[in-house]
Amino acid sequence: MVDLELLRELVAFQEYGTLSAAAEHLMITQPTVTRKMKKLEQELGVTLFDRQFSNHIA
């Protein structure tokens, strides 16, 4: 089962547009959000982000 905290952070990223803004809203660091989004991708078995472009959702 997917950790609901990871989904909450994904929703924050969608709402705020960047990992940095989502992290600020969630009161955590941007590297923490990045690590958690990588974990979410692994858990779901899908790519959520296009890493060729900074902070863009796939």
PDB file of N, CA and C in Angstrom:
ATOM      1  N   MET A   1       0.843  -1.183   0.000  1.00  0.00           N
ATOM      2  CA  MET A   1       0.000   0.000   0.000  1.00  0.00           C
ATOM      3  C   MET A   1       0.889   1.247   0.000  1.00  0.00           C
ATOM      4  N   VAL A   2       0.489   2.235  -0.767  1.00  0.00           N
ATOM      5  CA  VAL A   2       1.252   3.472  -0.892  1.00  0.00           C
ATOM      6  C   VAL A   2       1.060   4.326   0.366  1.00  0.00           C
ATOM      7  N   ASP A   3       2.148   4.888   0.852  1.00  0.00           N
ATOM      8  CA  ASP A   3       2.129   5.779   2.011  1.00  0.00           C
ATOM      9  C   ASP A   3       1.346   7.052   1.652  1.00  0.00           C
ATOM     10  N   LEU A   4       0.329   7.363   2.421  1.00  0.00           N
ATOM     11  CA  LEU A   4      -0.498   8.543   2.142  1.00  0.00           C
ATOM     12  C   LEU A   4       0.295   9.840   2.219  1.00  0.00           C
ATOM     13  N   GLU A   5       1.339   9.876   3.023  1.00  0.00           N
ATOM     14  CA  GLU A   5       2.197  11.069   3.109  1.00  0.00           C
ATOM     15  C   GLU A   5       2.854  11.350   1.755  1.00  0.00           C
ATOM     16  N   LEU A   6       3.262  10.297   1.054  1.00  0.00           N
ATOM     17  CA  LEU A   6       3.860  10.473  -0.263  1.00  0.00           C
ATOM     18  C   LEU A   6       2.846  11.062  -1.244  1.00  0.00           C
ATOM     19  N   LEU A   7       1.624  10.594  -1.172  1.00  0.00           N
ATOM     20  CA  LEU A   7       0.579  11.131  -2.051  1.00  0.00           C
ATOM     21  C   LEU A   7       0.266  12.587  -1.712  1.00  0.00           C
ATOM     22  N   ARG A   8       0.275  12.916  -0.432  1.00  0.00           N
ATOM     23  CA  ARG A   8       0.036  14.303  -0.012  1.00  0.00           C
ATOM     24  C   ARG A   8       1.115  15.216  -0.593  1.00  0.00           C
ATOM     25  N   GLU A   9       2.341  14.753  -0.599  1.00  0.00           N
ATOM     26  CA  GLU A   9       3.434  15.559  -1.149  1.00  0.00           C
ATOM     27  C   GLU A   9       3.322  15.685  -2.659  1.00  0.00           C
ATOM     28  N   LEU A  10       2.878  14.636  -3.324  1.00  0.00           N
ATOM     29  CA  LEU A  10       2.662  14.710  -4.769  1.00  0.00           C
ATOM     30  C   LEU A  10       1.574  15.734  -5.091  1.00  0.00           C
ATOM     31  N   VAL A  11       0.506  15.727  -4.326  1.00  0.00           N
ATOM     32  CA  VAL A  11      -0.575  16.702  -4.521  1.00  0.00           C
ATOM     33  C   VAL A  11      -0.060  18.121  -4.279  1.00  0.00           C
ATOM     34  N   ALA A  12       0.759  18.302  -3.260  1.00  0.00           N
ATOM     35  CA  ALA A  12       1.330  19.630  -2.990  1.00  0.00           C
ATOM     36  C   ALA A  12       2.194  20.085  -4.158  1.00  0.00           C
ATOM     37  N   PHE A  13       2.958  19.177  -4.727  1.00  0.00           N
ATOM     38  CA  PHE A  13       3.780  19.532  -5.896  1.00  0.00           C
ATOM     39  C   PHE A  13       2.886  19.979  -7.043  1.00  0.00           C
ATOM     40  N   GLN A  14       1.806  19.242  -7.287  1.00  0.00           N
ATOM     41  CA  GLN A  14       0.890  19.612  -8.359  1.00  0.00           C
ATOM     42  C   GLN A  14       0.274  20.986  -8.098  1.00  0.00           C
ATOM     43  N   GLU A  15      -0.111  21.241  -6.859  1.00  0.00           N
ATOM     44  CA  GLU A  15      -0.752  22.509  -6.519  1.00  0.00           C
ATOM     45  C   GLU A  15       0.198  23.697  -6.585  1.00  0.00           C
ATOM     46  N   TYR A  16       1.438  23.513  -6.125  1.00  0.00           N
ATOM     47  CA  TYR A  16       2.372  24.632  -6.007  1.00  0.00           C
ATOM     48  C   TYR A  16       3.334  24.757  -7.187  1.00  0.00           C
ATOM     49  N   GLY A  17       3.397  23.735  -8.031  1.00  0.00           N
ATOM     50  CA  GLY A  17       4.126  23.847  -9.289  1.00  0.00           C
ATOM     51  C   GLY A  17       5.597  23.496  -9.276  1.00  0.00           C
ATOM     52  N   THR A  18       6.255  23.575  -8.129  1.00  0.00           N
ATOM     53  CA  THR A  18       7.664  23.189  -8.050  1.00  0.00           C
ATOM     54  C   THR A  18       7.890  22.395  -6.768  1.00  0.00           C
ATOM     55  N   LEU A  19       8.955  21.607  -6.781  1.00  0.00           N
ATOM     56  CA  LEU A  19       9.305  20.849  -5.584  1.00  0.00           C
ATOM     57  C   LEU A  19       9.675  21.791  -4.442  1.00  0.00           C
ATOM     58  N   SER A  20      10.350  22.881  -4.774  1.00  0.00           N
ATOM     59  CA  SER A  20      10.744  23.846  -3.745  1.00  0.00           C
ATOM     60  C   SER A  20       9.529  24.488  -3.085  1.00  0.00           C
ATOM     61  N   ALA A  21       8.558  24.895  -3.884  1.00  0.00           N
ATOM     62  CA  ALA A  21       7.357  25.523  -3.334  1.00  0.00           C
ATOM     63  C   ALA A  21       6.540  24.519  -2.524  1.00  0.00           C
ATOM     64  N   ALA A  22       6.462  23.295  -2.999  1.00  0.00           N
ATOM     65  CA  ALA A  22       5.745  22.252  -2.259  1.00  0.00           C
ATOM     66  C   ALA A  22       6.433  21.995  -0.924  1.00  0.00           C
ATOM     67  N   ALA A  23       7.753  21.925  -0.947  1.00  0.00           N
ATOM     68  CA  ALA A  23       8.507  21.697   0.285  1.00  0.00           C
ATOM     69  C   ALA A  23       8.279  22.826   1.283  1.00  0.00           C
ATOM     70  N   GLU A  24       8.294  24.045   0.785  1.00  0.00           N
ATOM     71  CA  GLU A  24       8.065  25.195   1.664  1.00  0.00           C
ATOM     72  C   GLU A  24       6.674  25.111   2.303  1.00  0.00           C
ATOM     73  N   HIS A  25       5.674  24.799   1.492  1.00  0.00           N
ATOM     74  CA  HIS A  25       4.311  24.670   2.004  1.00  0.00           C
ATOM     75  C   HIS A  25       4.208  23.557   3.058  1.00  0.00           C
ATOM     76  N   LEU A  26       4.903  22.450   2.795  1.00  0.00           N
ATOM     77  CA  LEU A  26       4.852  21.299   3.702  1.00  0.00           C
ATOM     78  C   LEU A  26       5.803  21.446   4.894  1.00  0.00           C
ATOM     79  N   MET A  27       6.610  22.510   4.853  1.00  0.00           N
ATOM     80  CA  MET A  27       7.593  22.796   5.906  1.00  0.00           C
ATOM     81  C   MET A  27       8.628  21.670   6.058  1.00  0.00           C
ATOM     82  N   ILE A  28       9.115  21.212   4.898  1.00  0.00           N
ATOM     83  CA  ILE A  28      10.211  20.251   4.845  1.00  0.00           C
ATOM     84  C   ILE A  28      11.188  20.734   3.785  1.00  0.00           C
ATOM     85  N   THR A  29      12.330  20.100   3.675  1.00  0.00           N
ATOM     86  CA  THR A  29      13.322  20.548   2.695  1.00  0.00           C
ATOM     87  C   THR A  29      13.022  19.991   1.310  1.00  0.00           C
ATOM     88  N   GLN A  30      13.493  20.695   0.305  1.00  0.00           N
ATOM     89  CA  GLN A  30      13.301  20.248  -1.075  1.00  0.00           C
ATOM     90  C   GLN A  30      13.971  18.900  -1.322  1.00  0.00           C
ATOM     91  N   PRO A  31      15.202  18.652  -0.817  1.00  0.00           N
ATOM     92  CA  PRO A  31      15.791  17.326  -1.027  1.00  0.00           C
ATOM     93  C   PRO A  31      14.954  16.194  -0.415  1.00  0.00           C
ATOM     94  N   THR A  32      14.266  16.478   0.689  1.00  0.00           N
ATOM     95  CA  THR A  32      13.387  15.473   1.294  1.00  0.00           C
ATOM     96  C   THR A  32      12.231  15.149   0.362  1.00  0.00           C
ATOM     97  N   VAL A  33      11.639  16.172  -0.232  1.00  0.00           N
ATOM     98  CA  VAL A  33      10.538  15.948  -1.179  1.00  0.00           C
ATOM     99  C   VAL A  33      11.045  15.148  -2.378  1.00  0.00           C
ATOM    100  N   THR A  34      12.217  15.487  -2.876  1.00  0.00           N
ATOM    101  CA  THR A  34      12.788  14.776  -4.012  1.00  0.00           C
ATOM    102  C   THR A  34      12.967  13.292  -3.689  1.00  0.00           C
ATOM    103  N   ARG A  35      13.546  13.001  -2.525  1.00  0.00           N
ATOM    104  CA  ARG A  35      13.735  11.592  -2.129  1.00  0.00           C
ATOM    105  C   ARG A  35      12.406  10.863  -2.011  1.00  0.00           C
ATOM    106  N   LYS A  36      11.427  11.534  -1.442  1.00  0.00           N
ATOM    107  CA  LYS A  36      10.126  10.891  -1.269  1.00  0.00           C
ATOM    108  C   LYS A  36       9.420  10.674  -2.604  1.00  0.00           C
ATOM    109  N   MET A  37       9.595  11.580  -3.552  1.00  0.00           N
ATOM    110  CA  MET A  37       8.991  11.387  -4.864  1.00  0.00           C
ATOM    111  C   MET A  37       9.656  10.221  -5.597  1.00  0.00           C
ATOM    112  N   LYS A  38      10.955  10.051  -5.428  1.00  0.00           N
ATOM    113  CA  LYS A  38      11.639   8.888  -6.007  1.00  0.00           C
ATOM    114  C   LYS A  38      11.114   7.608  -5.380  1.00  0.00           C
ATOM    115  N   LYS A  39      10.881   7.637  -4.072  1.00  0.00           N
ATOM    116  CA  LYS A  39      10.330   6.476  -3.373  1.00  0.00           C
ATOM    117  C   LYS A  39       8.932   6.163  -3.898  1.00  0.00           C
ATOM    118  N   LEU A  40       8.109   7.194  -4.100  1.00  0.00           N
ATOM    119  CA  LEU A  40       6.763   6.990  -4.626  1.00  0.00           C
ATOM    120  C   LEU A  40       6.821   6.363  -6.016  1.00  0.00           C
ATOM    121  N   GLU A  41       7.707   6.850  -6.855  1.00  0.00           N
ATOM    122  CA  GLU A  41       7.866   6.271  -8.190  1.00  0.00           C
ATOM    123  C   GLU A  41       8.216   4.784  -8.099  1.00  0.00           C
ATOM    124  N   GLN A  42       9.120   4.444  -7.183  1.00  0.00           N
ATOM    125  CA  GLN A  42       9.501   3.043  -7.012  1.00  0.00           C
ATOM    126  C   GLN A  42       8.320   2.206  -6.535  1.00  0.00           C
ATOM    127  N   GLU A  43       7.563   2.723  -5.585  1.00  0.00           N
ATOM    128  CA  GLU A  43       6.418   1.989  -5.058  1.00  0.00           C
ATOM    129  C   GLU A  43       5.347   1.769  -6.122  1.00  0.00           C
ATOM    130  N   LEU A  44       5.123   2.774  -6.957  1.00  0.00           N
ATOM    131  CA  LEU A  44       4.099   2.678  -7.997  1.00  0.00           C
ATOM    132  C   LEU A  44       4.608   1.975  -9.250  1.00  0.00           C
ATOM    133  N   GLY A  45       5.923   1.941  -9.427  1.00  0.00           N
ATOM    134  CA  GLY A  45       6.504   1.326 -10.615  1.00  0.00           C
ATOM    135  C   GLY A  45       6.313   2.146 -11.869  1.00  0.00           C
ATOM    136  N   VAL A  46       6.228   3.474 -11.709  1.00  0.00           N
ATOM    137  CA  VAL A  46       6.043   4.386 -12.844  1.00  0.00           C
ATOM    138  C   VAL A  46       6.959   5.597 -12.687  1.00  0.00           C
ATOM    139  N   THR A  47       7.204   6.282 -13.788  1.00  0.00           N
ATOM    140  CA  THR A  47       7.947   7.536 -13.762  1.00  0.00           C
ATOM    141  C   THR A  47       6.949   8.671 -13.662  1.00  0.00           C
ATOM    142  N   LEU A  48       7.073   9.474 -12.618  1.00  0.00           N
ATOM    143  CA  LEU A  48       6.161  10.601 -12.415  1.00  0.00           C
ATOM    144  C   LEU A  48       6.747  11.918 -12.907  1.00  0.00           C
ATOM    145  N   PHE A  49       8.078  11.970 -13.011  1.00  0.00           N
ATOM    146  CA  PHE A  49       8.741  13.224 -13.341  1.00  0.00           C
ATOM    147  C   PHE A  49       9.653  13.064 -14.538  1.00  0.00           C
ATOM    148  N   ASP A  50       9.659  14.063 -15.408  1.00  0.00           N
ATOM    149  CA  ASP A  50      10.587  14.129 -16.525  1.00  0.00           C
ATOM    150  C   ASP A  50      11.835  14.821 -16.007  1.00  0.00           C
ATOM    151  N   ARG A  51      12.875  14.065 -15.755  1.00  0.00           N
ATOM    152  CA  ARG A  51      14.083  14.614 -15.147  1.00  0.00           C
ATOM    153  C   ARG A  51      14.988  15.347 -16.139  1.00  0.00           C
ATOM    154  N   GLN A  52      14.605  15.396 -17.407  1.00  0.00           N
ATOM    155  CA  GLN A  52      15.357  16.198 -18.365  1.00  0.00           C
ATOM    156  C   GLN A  52      15.108  17.674 -18.118  1.00  0.00           C
ATOM    157  N   PHE A  53      13.963  18.000 -17.535  1.00  0.00           N
ATOM    158  CA  PHE A  53      13.599  19.362 -17.243  1.00  0.00           C
ATOM    159  C   PHE A  53      13.375  19.474 -15.746  1.00  0.00           C
ATOM    160  N   SER A  54      13.929  20.470 -15.138  1.00  0.00           N
ATOM    161  CA  SER A  54      13.836  20.639 -13.693  1.00  0.00           C
ATOM    162  C   SER A  54      12.401  20.881 -13.243  1.00  0.00           C
ATOM    163  N   ASN A  55      11.962  20.083 -12.250  1.00  0.00           N
ATOM    164  CA  ASN A  55      10.671  20.275 -11.578  1.00  0.00           C
ATOM    165  C   ASN A  55       9.447  20.193 -12.480  1.00  0.00           C
ATOM    166  N   HIS A  56       9.453  19.337 -13.488  1.00  0.00           N
ATOM    167  CA  HIS A  56       8.267  19.172 -14.323  1.00  0.00           C
ATOM    168  C   HIS A  56       7.688  17.780 -14.099  1.00  0.00           C
ATOM    169  N   ILE A  57       6.385  17.726 -13.923  1.00  0.00           N
ATOM    170  CA  ILE A  57       5.690  16.446 -13.746  1.00  0.00           C
ATOM    171  C   ILE A  57       5.549  15.793 -15.121  1.00  0.00           C
ATOM    172  N   ALA A  58       5.687  14.495 -15.162  1.00  0.00           N
ATOM    173  CA  ALA A  58       5.617  13.763 -16.429  1.00  0.00           C
ATOM    174  C   ALA A  58       4.188  13.609 -16.903  1.00  0.00           C
TER     175      ALA A  58
END
